[in-house]
C-alpha cells in the first residue's frame, strides 16, 4: 500500500493541522477497536487513517463551539 502524498491529502482537508487531528482521531478509533478496518492486519493505524482521508472516506466537520 502506497502512502498518500501530502498534496493528495490537502485536496481533501484544507488545513494541515486539521489533517493531523483527523488522522490522529481516526487512528485512535482503529487502535481502540471502535471501528473495523478493511486493511490487512499489521497495517499501521495512522497509515490506514491517511489512506481513508485520501480516498475521501473521512471528512472534517466544523461545528460551533459551546461556551
Protein backbone atom coordinates (compact mmCIF):
# COMPACT_ATOMS: atom_id res chain seq x y z
CA UNK A 1 0.00 0.00 0.00
CA UNK A 2 1.48 3.34 -1.03
CA UNK A 3 1.15 6.15 1.44
CA UNK A 4 -0.74 9.16 0.05
CA UNK A 5 1.27 12.33 -0.53
CA UNK A 6 0.61 15.48 1.48
CA UNK A 7 -0.69 17.13 -1.70
CA UNK A 8 -3.31 14.40 -2.15
CA UNK A 9 -4.37 14.76 1.46
CA UNK A 10 -4.59 18.54 1.36
CA UNK A 11 -7.03 18.28 -1.57
CA UNK A 12 -9.44 16.61 0.87
CA UNK A 13 -8.70 18.65 4.03
CA UNK A 14 -7.79 22.35 3.75
CA UNK A 15 -5.51 22.66 6.76
CA UNK A 16 -2.51 20.51 7.58
CA UNK A 17 -3.34 20.96 11.27
CA UNK A 18 -6.92 19.73 10.78
CA UNK A 19 -5.49 16.85 8.77
CA UNK A 20 -3.22 15.86 11.67
CA UNK A 21 -6.12 16.00 14.15
CA UNK A 22 -8.45 13.98 11.92
CA UNK A 23 -5.81 11.33 11.20
CA UNK A 24 -4.91 11.03 14.89
CA UNK A 25 -8.54 10.67 15.97
CA UNK A 26 -9.26 8.04 13.33
CA UNK A 27 -6.07 6.13 14.19
CA UNK A 28 -7.08 6.16 17.86
CA UNK A 29 -10.52 4.75 16.93
CA UNK A 30 -8.88 1.95 14.97
CA UNK A 31 -6.42 1.19 17.77
CA UNK A 32 -9.16 1.01 20.38
CA UNK A 33 -11.22 -1.25 18.15
CA UNK A 34 -14.21 1.10 17.98
CA UNK A 35 -14.48 0.71 14.23
CA UNK A 36 -13.21 -2.03 11.99
CA UNK A 37 -10.66 -1.57 9.27
CA UNK A 38 -10.77 -3.35 5.94
CA UNK A 39 -6.99 -3.18 5.63
CA UNK A 40 -4.73 -6.17 6.29
CA UNK A 41 -3.51 -6.88 9.81
CA UNK A 42 -0.17 -5.28 10.51
CA UNK A 43 -1.03 -2.07 8.68
CA UNK A 44 -0.36 0.86 10.99
CA UNK A 45 -3.49 2.75 12.10
CA UNK A 46 -2.13 6.14 11.02
CA UNK A 47 -1.41 4.78 7.54
CA UNK A 48 -4.97 3.45 7.34
CA UNK A 49 -6.37 6.80 8.51
CA UNK A 50 -4.36 8.77 5.93
CA UNK A 51 -5.40 6.36 3.17
CA UNK A 52 -9.06 6.77 4.14
CA UNK A 53 -8.72 10.56 4.08
CA UNK A 54 -7.06 10.47 0.64
CA UNK A 55 -9.90 8.28 -0.67
CA UNK A 56 -12.49 10.75 0.63
CA UNK A 57 -13.93 8.31 3.18
CA UNK A 58 -13.37 10.75 6.07
CA UNK A 59 -14.41 14.39 6.20
CA UNK A 60 -13.85 17.11 8.76
CA UNK A 61 -16.95 18.89 10.03
CA UNK A 62 -16.60 22.21 11.77
CA UNK A 63 -19.19 22.93 14.42
CA UNK A 64 -19.94 25.84 16.64
CA UNK A 65 -18.01 25.95 19.86
CA UNK A 66 -20.10 25.52 23.01
CA UNK A 67 -19.49 28.10 25.69
